[in-house]
Amino acid sequence: MVRRAVCPGSFDPVTNGHIDIIGRAAALFDEVIVGVGVNRSKSASSSKLFTADERMAMIRDAVTPWPNVRVEGFSGLVTEFCREVGAVAIVKGLRGSSDYDYELQMAQMNSHLTDVETVFLMTDPGMSFVSSSLVKEVASFGGDVADFVPAHVLTALTQRLAERREQG
């Protein structure tokens, strides 16, 4: 039996912290599916910088070192997506106690909805303060975020922010 896990998120954009969690999950499971979805509560509070297709392409480029990782888009509940792909676990990275408080509630709800387990991996301490939102904010003000995203993501991020500035 293949032990398959899902690493869900919006990944707008994918960061080195995300890549670290995905790579470590790839060592623990036979197959890891990075599920790129739309979290309605997050999208209500901020607009996406990249389309779902752009985000999936950036992740695919970043996960090439792991042949057991694939990237798919999904909408709706992550538990339904897990059922559709036959996943036994949801893998989430935790940066700190505030992530834990939120993710614990989600894990308990997911456990109520399905028999898929949630596995928490602690983020590399060097990436514990990095989030997609913070990366976008710092980059939008001209800050150097090269240490926090893969090189191809930095290029796409720089180009997209320049396009937005030109548009007004």
Protein backbone atom coordinates (compact mmCIF):
# COMPACT_ATOMS: atom_id res chain seq x y z
CA MET A 1 0.00 0.00 0.00
CA VAL A 2 1.28 3.45 -0.95
CA ARG A 3 1.44 5.86 1.99
CA ARG A 4 0.37 9.14 0.41
CA ALA A 5 0.25 12.54 2.11
CA VAL A 6 -1.08 15.93 1.10
CA CYS A 7 0.71 19.22 1.87
CA PRO A 8 -2.05 21.78 1.34
CA GLY A 9 -1.74 25.53 1.05
CA SER A 10 -2.19 28.60 -1.07
CA PHE A 11 1.57 29.06 -1.66
CA ASP A 12 1.31 32.68 -2.85
CA PRO A 13 4.26 32.47 -3.35
CA VAL A 14 5.96 29.26 -2.31
CA THR A 15 8.79 29.93 0.16
CA ASN A 16 11.89 28.03 1.18
CA GLY A 17 10.04 27.19 4.39
CA HIS A 18 7.33 25.45 2.34
CA ILE A 19 9.96 23.64 0.29
CA ASP A 20 11.70 22.44 3.47
CA ILE A 21 8.45 20.95 4.81
CA ILE A 22 7.61 19.33 1.44
CA GLY A 23 11.08 17.79 1.18
CA ARG A 24 10.95 16.42 4.71
CA ALA A 25 7.46 15.01 4.06
CA ALA A 26 8.84 13.35 0.92
CA ALA A 27 11.30 11.46 3.15
CA LEU A 28 8.47 10.24 5.40
CA PHE A 29 5.86 9.18 2.83
CA ASP A 30 5.89 7.14 -0.39
CA GLU A 31 4.18 9.98 -2.22
CA VAL A 32 3.47 13.62 -1.38
CA ILE A 33 0.90 15.68 -3.21
CA VAL A 34 1.26 19.43 -2.84
CA GLY A 35 -2.37 20.57 -2.92
CA VAL A 36 -2.68 24.14 -4.13
CA GLY A 37 -6.06 25.40 -3.06
CA VAL A 38 -8.09 28.46 -2.30
CA ASN A 39 -8.66 29.20 1.37
CA ARG A 40 -11.72 31.44 1.39
CA SER A 41 -10.83 33.13 4.68
CA LYS A 42 -7.36 34.05 3.38
CA SER A 43 -8.58 35.16 -0.05
CA ALA A 44 -11.19 37.38 1.55
CA SER A 45 -8.48 39.26 3.44
CA SER A 46 -5.96 39.53 0.62
CA SER A 47 -5.88 39.11 -3.11
CA LYS A 48 -3.60 36.54 -4.67
CA LEU A 49 -0.47 37.83 -6.36
CA PHE A 50 -0.16 34.74 -8.56
CA THR A 51 -2.80 32.62 -10.30
CA ALA A 52 -3.24 29.01 -9.22
CA ASP A 53 -1.51 27.83 -12.42
CA GLU A 54 1.45 30.14 -11.77
CA ARG A 55 1.72 28.95 -8.16
CA MET A 56 1.60 25.30 -9.23
CA ALA A 57 4.28 25.87 -11.89
CA MET A 58 6.57 27.55 -9.35
CA ILE A 59 6.13 24.67 -6.92
CA ARG A 60 6.74 22.06 -9.63
CA ASP A 61 10.04 23.76 -10.46
CA ALA A 62 11.00 23.81 -6.77
CA VAL A 63 10.22 20.15 -5.97
CA THR A 64 12.17 18.52 -8.80
CA PRO A 65 14.69 17.01 -6.32
CA TRP A 66 11.93 14.72 -5.01
CA PRO A 67 10.54 12.30 -7.61
CA ASN A 68 7.80 11.22 -5.18
CA VAL A 69 6.27 14.73 -5.03
CA ARG A 70 3.60 15.96 -7.40
CA VAL A 71 1.55 19.15 -7.49
CA GLU A 72 -2.22 19.37 -8.00
CA GLY A 73 -4.82 22.06 -7.61
CA PHE A 74 -7.98 21.56 -5.57
CA SER A 75 -10.99 23.47 -4.37
CA GLY A 76 -13.20 22.76 -1.42
CA LEU A 77 -12.29 20.87 1.71
CA VAL A 78 -8.80 19.43 2.01
CA THR A 79 -10.34 16.29 3.54
CA GLU A 80 -12.35 15.72 0.34
CA PHE A 81 -9.19 16.21 -1.72
CA CYS A 82 -7.41 13.66 0.51
CA ARG A 83 -10.20 11.16 -0.11
CA GLU A 84 -10.05 11.76 -3.87
CA VAL A 85 -6.29 11.11 -4.03
CA GLY A 86 -6.19 8.36 -1.39
CA ALA A 87 -4.04 10.26 1.11
CA VAL A 88 -3.59 8.91 4.64
CA ALA A 89 -2.18 12.14 6.07
CA ILE A 90 -2.17 15.91 5.85
CA VAL A 91 1.26 17.43 6.48
CA LYS A 92 1.44 20.94 7.93
CA GLY A 93 4.45 23.00 8.88
CA LEU A 94 4.39 24.88 12.17
CA ARG A 95 6.40 28.06 12.67
CA GLY A 96 5.34 28.73 16.24
CA SER A 97 2.62 28.57 18.86
CA SER A 98 0.18 30.77 16.93
CA ASP A 99 0.37 28.35 13.97
CA TYR A 100 -0.15 25.47 16.38
CA ASP A 101 -3.29 27.00 17.91
CA TYR A 102 -4.88 27.47 14.48
CA GLU A 103 -3.68 24.20 12.97
CA LEU A 104 -4.76 22.15 16.01
CA GLN A 105 -8.35 23.29 15.51
CA MET A 106 -8.14 22.46 11.82
CA ALA A 107 -6.63 19.03 12.56
CA GLN A 108 -9.39 18.26 15.05
CA MET A 109 -12.09 19.29 12.56
CA ASN A 110 -10.43 17.27 9.81
CA SER A 111 -10.26 14.27 12.14
CA HIS A 112 -13.97 14.64 12.78
CA LEU A 113 -14.69 14.77 9.03
CA THR A 114 -12.47 11.89 7.94
CA ASP A 115 -9.93 9.34 9.12
CA VAL A 116 -6.99 11.23 7.59
CA GLU A 117 -4.29 12.00 10.16
CA THR A 118 -2.60 15.38 10.46
CA VAL A 119 1.16 15.35 10.82
CA PHE A 120 2.89 18.49 12.11
CA LEU A 121 6.47 19.21 11.14
CA MET A 122 8.35 21.98 12.89
CA THR A 123 9.71 24.58 10.51
CA ASP A 124 13.47 25.00 10.25
CA PRO A 125 14.32 27.61 12.91
CA GLY A 126 15.98 29.77 10.25
CA MET A 127 12.63 30.00 8.43
CA SER A 128 10.34 30.30 11.46
CA PHE A 129 9.53 33.95 10.75
CA VAL A 130 8.99 33.53 6.98
CA SER A 131 5.52 33.57 5.50
CA SER A 132 4.26 34.20 1.98
CA SER A 133 2.49 37.33 3.18
CA LEU A 134 5.62 38.74 4.82
CA VAL A 135 7.75 37.91 1.77
CA LYS A 136 5.28 39.76 -0.49
CA GLU A 137 5.16 42.75 1.84
CA VAL A 138 8.93 43.07 2.22
CA ALA A 139 9.48 42.59 -1.52
CA SER A 140 6.81 45.19 -2.37
CA PHE A 141 8.84 47.79 -0.45
CA GLY A 142 12.07 46.80 -2.20
CA GLY A 143 13.44 44.57 0.55
CA ASP A 144 15.72 41.65 -0.27
CA VAL A 145 13.85 38.35 0.07
CA ALA A 146 16.35 36.23 -1.89
CA ASP A 147 17.09 34.07 1.17
CA PHE A 148 13.44 33.15 1.62
CA VAL A 149 12.27 31.97 -1.82
CA PRO A 150 13.75 29.82 -4.60
CA ALA A 151 15.56 31.86 -7.29
CA HIS A 152 12.86 31.29 -9.93
CA VAL A 153 10.21 32.47 -7.47
CA LEU A 154 12.24 35.60 -6.69
CA THR A 155 12.36 36.39 -10.41
CA ALA A 156 8.59 35.90 -10.81
CA LEU A 157 7.88 37.89 -7.64
CA THR A 158 10.08 40.80 -8.72
CA GLN A 159 8.47 40.85 -12.17
CA ARG A 160 4.91 40.68 -10.83
CA LEU A 161 5.48 43.47 -8.31
CA ALA A 162 7.04 45.65 -11.04
CA GLU A 163 3.99 45.02 -13.25
CA ARG A 164 1.67 46.03 -10.40
CA ARG A 165 3.65 49.22 -9.78
CA GLU A 166 3.45 50.12 -13.49
CA GLN A 167 -0.32 49.57 -13.47
CA GLY A 168 -0.73 52.08 -10.75
